[in-house]
Amino acid sequence: MVNSAAFALPFVVVIILWFVSTGLVAMLNHRLRQSFGRALIIAGLCALVGLSMLVLTSQSSAVWAVYVSFVGGLMIWAWHEISFLTGAVAGSHRDPCPQGARGWQRFSMATMALIHHEIAIAMTAGLLLSLAAVTANPTGAYTFALLAIFRLSSKLNIYRGVPNMSDELLPAHLDYLKSYFGPQHLRPTLVLSIMAILGVALYFGLTAVQASTAHETAQAGLLCCLSLLAALEHFFFAIPFRDSRLWQWALGEPKAEKEI
């Protein structure tokens, strides 16, 4: 069993990376919305750097390699986020949900509004996990796969409806997606999602505490904190808190209210 400092460091690293990386993605898609081409180029370079980091650390069991691989997974994820938020990779359907659409019609249209993005994420996750099966350090692949699962959970809960939807991070050109958001009610699926994600966090937490090497502790600690942050983001759906305020520094000054 390793010491508490080795267990605490991953939490500090994940929280800092979560806060900074989300802010940078928001900045590229809001402050620099007139230069989406540049944002896509930057995102593409980040993805290549991230993939290189995964490859270079794939056969290393050193603690530093775990952190480098984790950052690489985040950089590949950021590429997908920016490609979606710029509208470059979204879906084949880009119109608001028709009035009166219900059941399968609404679900199929909502799916087609995101289908290209979902396929891209699924293909990337499959590729990274297949490569991780033959490497000594799968941290980056596990990071990407967890982010994909947690984001899919968020999307399904938003589609079903959540009490609080802080959508300021969604750019104006994707406003049509808001028409697919469900009613503002607390659903059992949101509660179950939070419990399930906390269960995943507990698993990684116990793995980190019981690990026999610093490498295993770092990897499990990073994934545990990532899961806890995902549970927190889901919890924000249930309470009247605008989580976008955390990244106001990246979004810029709020628009002034018009005088009546």
C-alpha atoms as a PDB file:
ATOM      1  CA  MET A   1       0.000   0.000   0.000  1.00  0.00           C
ATOM      2  CA  VAL A   2       1.372   3.424  -0.965  1.00  0.00           C
ATOM      3  CA  ASN A   3       1.426   6.637   1.029  1.00  0.00           C
ATOM      4  CA  SER A   4      -1.315   9.264   1.005  1.00  0.00           C
ATOM      5  CA  ALA A   5       0.769  11.801  -0.928  1.00  0.00           C
ATOM      6  CA  ALA A   6       0.984   9.451  -3.918  1.00  0.00           C
ATOM      7  CA  PHE A   7      -2.803   9.079  -3.772  1.00  0.00           C
ATOM      8  CA  ALA A   8      -3.536  12.804  -3.397  1.00  0.00           C
ATOM      9  CA  LEU A   9      -1.367  14.061  -6.274  1.00  0.00           C
ATOM     10  CA  PRO A  10      -3.594  12.600  -9.025  1.00  0.00           C
ATOM     11  CA  PHE A  11      -6.576  14.478  -7.588  1.00  0.00           C
ATOM     12  CA  VAL A  12      -4.748  17.806  -7.689  1.00  0.00           C
ATOM     13  CA  VAL A  13      -3.587  17.177 -11.264  1.00  0.00           C
ATOM     14  CA  VAL A  14      -7.040  16.167 -12.554  1.00  0.00           C
ATOM     15  CA  ILE A  15      -8.838  19.122 -10.969  1.00  0.00           C
ATOM     16  CA  ILE A  16      -6.357  21.611 -12.429  1.00  0.00           C
ATOM     17  CA  LEU A  17      -6.466  20.001 -15.880  1.00  0.00           C
ATOM     18  CA  TRP A  18     -10.288  19.808 -15.817  1.00  0.00           C
ATOM     19  CA  PHE A  19     -10.626  23.478 -14.933  1.00  0.00           C
ATOM     20  CA  VAL A  20      -8.012  24.776 -17.382  1.00  0.00           C
ATOM     21  CA  SER A  21      -8.812  22.498 -20.347  1.00  0.00           C
ATOM     22  CA  THR A  22     -12.562  23.171 -20.182  1.00  0.00           C
ATOM     23  CA  GLY A  23     -11.866  26.896 -20.053  1.00  0.00           C
ATOM     24  CA  LEU A  24      -9.527  26.768 -23.057  1.00  0.00           C
ATOM     25  CA  VAL A  25     -12.095  24.845 -25.120  1.00  0.00           C
ATOM     26  CA  ALA A  26     -14.762  27.398 -24.146  1.00  0.00           C
ATOM     27  CA  MET A  27     -12.438  30.250 -25.107  1.00  0.00           C
ATOM     28  CA  LEU A  28     -11.731  28.796 -28.550  1.00  0.00           C
ATOM     29  CA  ASN A  29     -15.444  28.396 -29.242  1.00  0.00           C
ATOM     30  CA  HIS A  30     -16.735  31.683 -27.833  1.00  0.00           C
ATOM     31  CA  ARG A  31     -14.079  34.375 -27.889  1.00  0.00           C
ATOM     32  CA  LEU A  32     -12.589  33.108 -31.147  1.00  0.00           C
ATOM     33  CA  ARG A  33     -15.777  32.067 -32.906  1.00  0.00           C
ATOM     34  CA  GLN A  34     -14.726  34.140 -35.953  1.00  0.00           C
ATOM     35  CA  SER A  35     -11.710  31.861 -36.456  1.00  0.00           C
ATOM     36  CA  PHE A  36     -13.098  28.347 -36.196  1.00  0.00           C
ATOM     37  CA  GLY A  37     -10.671  27.208 -38.874  1.00  0.00           C
ATOM     38  CA  ARG A  38      -7.761  28.171 -36.643  1.00  0.00           C
ATOM     39  CA  ALA A  39      -9.410  26.444 -33.680  1.00  0.00           C
ATOM     40  CA  LEU A  40      -9.745  23.216 -35.688  1.00  0.00           C
ATOM     41  CA  ILE A  41      -6.096  23.376 -36.728  1.00  0.00           C
ATOM     42  CA  ILE A  42      -5.028  23.873 -33.104  1.00  0.00           C
ATOM     43  CA  ALA A  43      -7.294  21.029 -32.010  1.00  0.00           C
ATOM     44  CA  GLY A  44      -5.894  18.746 -34.711  1.00  0.00           C
ATOM     45  CA  LEU A  45      -2.340  19.465 -33.605  1.00  0.00           C
ATOM     46  CA  CYS A  46      -3.361  18.769 -29.997  1.00  0.00           C
ATOM     47  CA  ALA A  47      -4.779  15.409 -31.068  1.00  0.00           C
ATOM     48  CA  LEU A  48      -1.545  14.477 -32.855  1.00  0.00           C
ATOM     49  CA  VAL A  49       0.521  15.515 -29.843  1.00  0.00           C
ATOM     50  CA  GLY A  50      -1.824  13.591 -27.547  1.00  0.00           C
ATOM     51  CA  LEU A  51      -1.590  10.443 -29.679  1.00  0.00           C
ATOM     52  CA  SER A  52       2.189  10.769 -29.739  1.00  0.00           C
ATOM     53  CA  MET A  53       2.194  10.999 -25.940  1.00  0.00           C
ATOM     54  CA  LEU A  54       0.171   7.788 -25.702  1.00  0.00           C
ATOM     55  CA  VAL A  55       2.502   5.974 -28.087  1.00  0.00           C
ATOM     56  CA  LEU A  56       5.712   7.202 -26.416  1.00  0.00           C
ATOM     57  CA  THR A  57       4.539   6.128 -22.960  1.00  0.00           C
ATOM     58  CA  SER A  58       2.745   2.942 -24.005  1.00  0.00           C
ATOM     59  CA  GLN A  59       5.482   0.585 -22.792  1.00  0.00           C
ATOM     60  CA  SER A  60       6.551   2.513 -19.696  1.00  0.00           C
ATOM     61  CA  SER A  61       5.353   1.713 -16.189  1.00  0.00           C
ATOM     62  CA  ALA A  62       6.937   4.797 -14.638  1.00  0.00           C
ATOM     63  CA  VAL A  63       4.710   7.197 -12.717  1.00  0.00           C
ATOM     64  CA  TRP A  64       5.559  10.114 -15.009  1.00  0.00           C
ATOM     65  CA  ALA A  65       4.412   8.025 -17.995  1.00  0.00           C
ATOM     66  CA  VAL A  66       0.988   7.569 -16.379  1.00  0.00           C
ATOM     67  CA  TYR A  67       0.516  11.326 -16.114  1.00  0.00           C
ATOM     68  CA  VAL A  68       1.788  11.941 -19.654  1.00  0.00           C
ATOM     69  CA  SER A  69      -0.570   9.300 -21.030  1.00  0.00           C
ATOM     70  CA  PHE A  70      -3.472  10.800 -19.075  1.00  0.00           C
ATOM     71  CA  VAL A  71      -2.787  14.253 -20.544  1.00  0.00           C
ATOM     72  CA  GLY A  72      -2.527  12.678 -23.999  1.00  0.00           C
ATOM     73  CA  GLY A  73      -5.984  11.154 -23.617  1.00  0.00           C
ATOM     74  CA  LEU A  74      -7.380  14.541 -22.583  1.00  0.00           C
ATOM     75  CA  MET A  75      -5.808  16.232 -25.612  1.00  0.00           C
ATOM     76  CA  ILE A  76      -7.410  13.730 -27.991  1.00  0.00           C
ATOM     77  CA  TRP A  77     -10.733  14.295 -26.211  1.00  0.00           C
ATOM     78  CA  ALA A  78     -10.333  18.075 -26.573  1.00  0.00           C
ATOM     79  CA  TRP A  79      -9.989  17.596 -30.329  1.00  0.00           C
ATOM     80  CA  HIS A  80     -13.380  15.903 -30.448  1.00  0.00           C
ATOM     81  CA  GLU A  81     -14.938  18.570 -28.221  1.00  0.00           C
ATOM     82  CA  ILE A  82     -13.703  21.431 -30.388  1.00  0.00           C
ATOM     83  CA  SER A  83     -14.685  19.714 -33.624  1.00  0.00           C
ATOM     84  CA  PHE A  84     -18.198  19.344 -32.214  1.00  0.00           C
ATOM     85  CA  LEU A  85     -18.553  22.818 -30.706  1.00  0.00           C
ATOM     86  CA  THR A  86     -17.336  24.479 -33.894  1.00  0.00           C
ATOM     87  CA  GLY A  87     -19.963  22.518 -35.802  1.00  0.00           C
ATOM     88  CA  ALA A  88     -17.385  20.738 -37.979  1.00  0.00           C
ATOM     89  CA  VAL A  89     -18.439  17.292 -36.707  1.00  0.00           C
ATOM     90  CA  ALA A  90     -21.976  17.197 -35.350  1.00  0.00           C
ATOM     91  CA  GLY A  91     -24.684  15.339 -37.242  1.00  0.00           C
ATOM     92  CA  SER A  92     -26.619  15.104 -40.488  1.00  0.00           C
ATOM     93  CA  HIS A  93     -29.684  16.849 -39.018  1.00  0.00           C
ATOM     94  CA  ARG A  94     -29.181  20.494 -38.065  1.00  0.00           C
ATOM     95  CA  ASP A  95     -32.721  21.773 -37.654  1.00  0.00           C
ATOM     96  CA  PRO A  96     -34.708  22.354 -34.446  1.00  0.00           C
ATOM     97  CA  CYS A  97     -36.974  19.604 -33.216  1.00  0.00           C
ATOM     98  CA  PRO A  98     -40.423  20.003 -34.844  1.00  0.00           C
ATOM     99  CA  GLN A  99     -43.287  20.973 -32.596  1.00  0.00           C
ATOM    100  CA  GLY A 100     -45.180  17.929 -31.423  1.00  0.00           C
ATOM    101  CA  ALA A 101     -42.396  15.414 -32.126  1.00  0.00           C
ATOM    102  CA  ARG A 102     -42.615  12.576 -29.621  1.00  0.00           C
ATOM    103  CA  GLY A 103     -41.228   9.136 -28.926  1.00  0.00           C
ATOM    104  CA  TRP A 104     -39.148   7.489 -31.632  1.00  0.00           C
ATOM    105  CA  GLN A 105     -39.442  10.449 -33.999  1.00  0.00           C
ATOM    106  CA  ARG A 106     -37.904  12.831 -31.460  1.00  0.00           C
ATOM    107  CA  PHE A 107     -35.219  10.325 -30.423  1.00  0.00           C
ATOM    108  CA  SER A 108     -34.193   9.519 -33.996  1.00  0.00           C
ATOM    109  CA  MET A 109     -33.952  13.202 -34.925  1.00  0.00           C
ATOM    110  CA  ALA A 110     -31.940  13.960 -31.795  1.00  0.00           C
ATOM    111  CA  THR A 111     -29.636  11.056 -32.641  1.00  0.00           C
ATOM    112  CA  MET A 112     -29.110  12.263 -36.198  1.00  0.00           C
ATOM    113  CA  ALA A 113     -28.256  15.725 -34.851  1.00  0.00           C
ATOM    114  CA  LEU A 114     -25.222  14.177 -33.079  1.00  0.00           C
ATOM    115  CA  ILE A 115     -24.544  10.998 -35.025  1.00  0.00           C
ATOM    116  CA  HIS A 116     -21.273  12.015 -36.709  1.00  0.00           C
ATOM    117  CA  HIS A 117     -19.811  13.159 -33.399  1.00  0.00           C
ATOM    118  CA  GLU A 118     -20.887   9.963 -31.643  1.00  0.00           C
ATOM    119  CA  ILE A 119     -19.455   7.736 -34.368  1.00  0.00           C
ATOM    120  CA  ALA A 120     -16.147   9.622 -34.278  1.00  0.00           C
ATOM    121  CA  ILE A 121     -15.899   9.214 -30.500  1.00  0.00           C
ATOM    122  CA  ALA A 122     -16.824   5.519 -30.644  1.00  0.00           C
ATOM    123  CA  MET A 123     -14.259   4.814 -33.365  1.00  0.00           C
ATOM    124  CA  THR A 124     -11.527   6.662 -31.477  1.00  0.00           C
ATOM    125  CA  ALA A 125     -12.350   4.885 -28.221  1.00  0.00           C
ATOM    126  CA  GLY A 126     -12.320   1.518 -29.988  1.00  0.00           C
ATOM    127  CA  LEU A 127      -8.960   2.249 -31.583  1.00  0.00           C
ATOM    128  CA  LEU A 128      -7.347   3.448 -28.361  1.00  0.00           C
ATOM    129  CA  LEU A 129      -8.694   0.541 -26.313  1.00  0.00           C
ATOM    130  CA  SER A 130      -7.534  -1.994 -28.898  1.00  0.00           C
ATOM    131  CA  LEU A 131      -4.044  -0.487 -28.755  1.00  0.00           C
ATOM    132  CA  ALA A 132      -4.194  -0.383 -24.945  1.00  0.00           C
ATOM    133  CA  ALA A 133      -4.747  -4.143 -24.859  1.00  0.00           C
ATOM    134  CA  VAL A 134      -1.151  -4.693 -25.969  1.00  0.00           C
ATOM    135  CA  THR A 135       0.545  -1.934 -23.973  1.00  0.00           C
ATOM    136  CA  ALA A 136       1.868  -1.644 -20.437  1.00  0.00           C
ATOM    137  CA  ASN A 137       0.351   1.790 -19.873  1.00  0.00           C
ATOM    138  CA  PRO A 138      -3.302   2.101 -21.016  1.00  0.00           C
ATOM    139  CA  THR A 139      -4.035   5.223 -18.934  1.00  0.00           C
ATOM    140  CA  GLY A 140      -4.765   7.522 -21.875  1.00  0.00           C
ATOM    141  CA  ALA A 141      -7.100   5.018 -23.520  1.00  0.00           C
ATOM    142  CA  TYR A 142      -8.981   4.432 -20.273  1.00  0.00           C
ATOM    143  CA  THR A 143      -9.240   8.198 -19.780  1.00  0.00           C
ATOM    144  CA  PHE A 144     -10.785   8.722 -23.214  1.00  0.00           C
ATOM    145  CA  ALA A 145     -13.159   5.770 -22.812  1.00  0.00           C
ATOM    146  CA  LEU A 146     -14.401   7.011 -19.428  1.00  0.00           C
ATOM    147  CA  LEU A 147     -14.951  10.512 -20.809  1.00  0.00           C
ATOM    148  CA  ALA A 148     -16.933   9.039 -23.700  1.00  0.00           C
ATOM    149  CA  ILE A 149     -19.159   7.031 -21.333  1.00  0.00           C
ATOM    150  CA  PHE A 150     -19.725   9.957 -18.973  1.00  0.00           C
ATOM    151  CA  ARG A 151     -20.513  12.339 -21.841  1.00  0.00           C
ATOM    152  CA  LEU A 152     -23.004   9.871 -23.329  1.00  0.00           C
ATOM    153  CA  SER A 153     -24.665   9.645 -19.910  1.00  0.00           C
ATOM    154  CA  SER A 154     -24.897  13.454 -19.788  1.00  0.00           C
ATOM    155  CA  LYS A 155     -26.452  13.623 -23.246  1.00  0.00           C
ATOM    156  CA  LEU A 156     -29.048  10.967 -22.475  1.00  0.00           C
ATOM    157  CA  ASN A 157     -30.005  12.670 -19.221  1.00  0.00           C
ATOM    158  CA  ILE A 158     -30.300  16.049 -20.923  1.00  0.00           C
ATOM    159  CA  TYR A 159     -32.465  14.468 -23.614  1.00  0.00           C
ATOM    160  CA  ARG A 160     -34.719  12.967 -20.957  1.00  0.00           C
ATOM    161  CA  GLY A 161     -34.786  16.226 -19.001  1.00  0.00           C
ATOM    162  CA  VAL A 162     -32.924  17.585 -15.987  1.00  0.00           C
ATOM    163  CA  PRO A 163     -33.926  20.268 -13.445  1.00  0.00           C
ATOM    164  CA  ASN A 164     -30.989  22.543 -14.270  1.00  0.00           C
ATOM    165  CA  MET A 165     -29.395  22.862 -17.697  1.00  0.00           C
ATOM    166  CA  SER A 166     -26.474  25.297 -17.777  1.00  0.00           C
ATOM    167  CA  ASP A 167     -26.019  25.683 -21.529  1.00  0.00           C
ATOM    168  CA  GLU A 168     -23.872  28.816 -21.759  1.00  0.00           C
ATOM    169  CA  LEU A 169     -20.940  26.763 -23.061  1.00  0.00           C
ATOM    170  CA  LEU A 170     -22.993  25.764 -26.114  1.00  0.00           C
ATOM    171  CA  PRO A 171     -22.165  28.151 -29.029  1.00  0.00           C
ATOM    172  CA  ALA A 172     -24.944  30.090 -30.730  1.00  0.00           C
ATOM    173  CA  HIS A 173     -24.678  28.125 -33.996  1.00  0.00           C
ATOM    174  CA  LEU A 174     -25.652  24.967 -32.074  1.00  0.00           C
ATOM    175  CA  ASP A 175     -28.738  26.524 -30.480  1.00  0.00           C
ATOM    176  CA  TYR A 176     -30.964  24.129 -32.433  1.00  0.00           C
ATOM    177  CA  LEU A 177     -29.755  21.347 -30.126  1.00  0.00           C
ATOM    178  CA  LYS A 178     -31.565  23.004 -27.212  1.00  0.00           C
ATOM    179  CA  SER A 179     -34.884  22.094 -28.841  1.00  0.00           C
ATOM    180  CA  TYR A 180     -34.062  18.442 -28.092  1.00  0.00           C
ATOM    181  CA  PHE A 181     -33.542  19.053 -24.370  1.00  0.00           C
ATOM    182  CA  GLY A 182     -36.145  17.392 -22.188  1.00  0.00           C
ATOM    183  CA  PRO A 183     -38.410  19.120 -19.629  1.00  0.00           C
ATOM    184  CA  GLN A 184     -36.842  20.533 -16.480  1.00  0.00           C
ATOM    185  CA  HIS A 185     -37.769  17.708 -14.132  1.00  0.00           C
ATOM    186  CA  LEU A 186     -35.754  15.405 -11.909  1.00  0.00           C
ATOM    187  CA  ARG A 187     -35.807  11.945 -13.455  1.00  0.00           C
ATOM    188  CA  PRO A 188     -34.854   8.671 -11.752  1.00  0.00           C
ATOM    189  CA  THR A 189     -32.317   8.128 -14.553  1.00  0.00           C
ATOM    190  CA  LEU A 190     -30.271  11.106 -13.342  1.00  0.00           C
ATOM    191  CA  VAL A 191     -30.147   9.744  -9.799  1.00  0.00           C
ATOM    192  CA  LEU A 192     -29.181   6.309 -11.085  1.00  0.00           C
ATOM    193  CA  SER A 193     -26.503   7.831 -13.318  1.00  0.00           C
ATOM    194  CA  ILE A 194     -24.922   9.675 -10.390  1.00  0.00           C
ATOM    195  CA  MET A 195     -24.967   6.510  -8.269  1.00  0.00           C
ATOM    196  CA  ALA A 196     -23.412   4.462 -11.066  1.00  0.00           C
ATOM    197  CA  ILE A 197     -20.630   6.983 -11.653  1.00  0.00           C
ATOM    198  CA  LEU A 198     -19.934   7.159  -7.927  1.00  0.00           C
ATOM    199  CA  GLY A 199     -19.704   3.374  -7.986  1.00  0.00           C
ATOM    200  CA  VAL A 200     -17.055   3.608 -10.713  1.00  0.00           C
ATOM    201  CA  ALA A 201     -15.197   6.220  -8.651  1.00  0.00           C
ATOM    202  CA  LEU A 202     -15.344   3.951  -5.600  1.00  0.00           C
ATOM    203  CA  TYR A 203     -13.879   1.074  -7.600  1.00  0.00           C
ATOM    204  CA  PHE A 204     -10.933   3.141  -8.786  1.00  0.00           C
ATOM    205  CA  GLY A 205     -10.509   4.649  -5.324  1.00  0.00           C
ATOM    206  CA  LEU A 206     -10.248   1.235  -3.698  1.00  0.00           C
ATOM    207  CA  THR A 207      -7.887   0.123  -6.447  1.00  0.00           C
ATOM    208  CA  ALA A 208      -5.646   3.113  -5.771  1.00  0.00           C
ATOM    209  CA  VAL A 209      -5.611   2.543  -2.012  1.00  0.00           C
ATOM    210  CA  GLN A 210      -4.861  -1.161  -2.353  1.00  0.00           C
ATOM    211  CA  ALA A 211      -2.329  -0.801  -5.172  1.00  0.00           C
ATOM    212  CA  SER A 212       1.100  -2.284  -4.600  1.00  0.00           C
ATOM    213  CA  THR A 213       2.993   0.102  -6.899  1.00  0.00           C
ATOM    214  CA  ALA A 214       3.105   3.864  -7.406  1.00  0.00           C
ATOM    215  CA  HIS A 215       2.249   3.320 -11.084  1.00  0.00           C
ATOM    216  CA  GLU A 216      -1.024   1.579 -10.248  1.00  0.00           C
ATOM    217  CA  THR A 217      -1.863   4.148  -7.580  1.00  0.00           C
ATOM    218  CA  ALA A 218      -1.344   7.063  -9.965  1.00  0.00           C
ATOM    219  CA  GLN A 219      -3.426   5.482 -12.716  1.00  0.00           C
ATOM    220  CA  ALA A 220      -6.325   4.486 -10.457  1.00  0.00           C
ATOM    221  CA  GLY A 221      -6.185   7.823  -8.607  1.00  0.00           C
ATOM    222  CA  LEU A 222      -6.446   9.788 -11.859  1.00  0.00           C
ATOM    223  CA  LEU A 223      -9.407   7.728 -13.052  1.00  0.00           C
ATOM    224  CA  CYS A 224     -11.071   7.961  -9.625  1.00  0.00           C
ATOM    225  CA  CYS A 225     -10.900  11.759  -9.613  1.00  0.00           C
ATOM    226  CA  LEU A 226     -12.099  11.901 -13.226  1.00  0.00           C
ATOM    227  CA  SER A 227     -15.121   9.832 -12.209  1.00  0.00           C
ATOM    228  CA  LEU A 228     -15.828  12.047  -9.195  1.00  0.00           C
ATOM    229  CA  LEU A 229     -15.783  15.142 -11.413  1.00  0.00           C
ATOM    230  CA  ALA A 230     -18.215  13.442 -13.792  1.00  0.00           C
ATOM    231  CA  ALA A 231     -20.519  12.701 -10.849  1.00  0.00           C
ATOM    232  CA  LEU A 232     -20.241  16.365  -9.812  1.00  0.00           C
ATOM    233  CA  GLU A 233     -21.178  17.548 -13.298  1.00  0.00           C
ATOM    234  CA  HIS A 234     -24.217  15.262 -13.216  1.00  0.00           C
ATOM    235  CA  PHE A 235     -25.088  16.590  -9.759  1.00  0.00           C
ATOM    236  CA  PHE A 236     -25.060  20.127 -11.173  1.00  0.00           C
ATOM    237  CA  PHE A 237     -27.949  19.025 -13.406  1.00  0.00           C
ATOM    238  CA  ALA A 238     -30.058  18.573 -10.277  1.00  0.00           C
ATOM    239  CA  ILE A 239     -29.326  21.823  -8.416  1.00  0.00           C
ATOM    240  CA  PRO A 240     -29.809  25.515  -9.325  1.00  0.00           C
ATOM    241  CA  PHE A 241     -26.137  26.217  -9.943  1.00  0.00           C
ATOM    242  CA  ARG A 242     -24.789  27.677 -13.194  1.00  0.00           C
ATOM    243  CA  ASP A 243     -21.545  25.754 -13.552  1.00  0.00           C
ATOM    244  CA  SER A 244     -20.599  27.965 -16.516  1.00  0.00           C
ATOM    245  CA  ARG A 245     -19.687  30.629 -13.943  1.00  0.00           C
ATOM    246  CA  LEU A 246     -16.571  28.594 -13.227  1.00  0.00           C
ATOM    247  CA  TRP A 247     -15.318  29.424 -16.716  1.00  0.00           C
ATOM    248  CA  GLN A 248     -16.487  33.023 -17.043  1.00  0.00           C
ATOM    249  CA  TRP A 249     -12.839  34.008 -17.452  1.00  0.00           C
ATOM    250  CA  ALA A 250     -12.824  32.057 -20.717  1.00  0.00           C
ATOM    251  CA  LEU A 251     -16.270  33.069 -21.946  1.00  0.00           C
ATOM    252  CA  GLY A 252     -15.561  36.792 -21.550  1.00  0.00           C
ATOM    253  CA  GLU A 253     -17.732  39.471 -20.010  1.00  0.00           C
ATOM    254  CA  PRO A 254     -21.446  38.619 -19.882  1.00  0.00           C
ATOM    255  CA  LYS A 255     -23.628  40.544 -22.264  1.00  0.00           C
ATOM    256  CA  ALA A 256     -25.266  43.577 -20.704  1.00  0.00           C
ATOM    257  CA  GLU A 257     -28.983  43.404 -20.168  1.00  0.00           C
ATOM    258  CA  LYS A 258     -31.018  45.538 -22.529  1.00  0.00           C
ATOM    259  CA  GLU A 259     -32.802  48.453 -20.895  1.00  0.00           C
ATOM    260  CA  ILE A 260     -36.543  48.313 -21.038  1.00  0.00           C
END
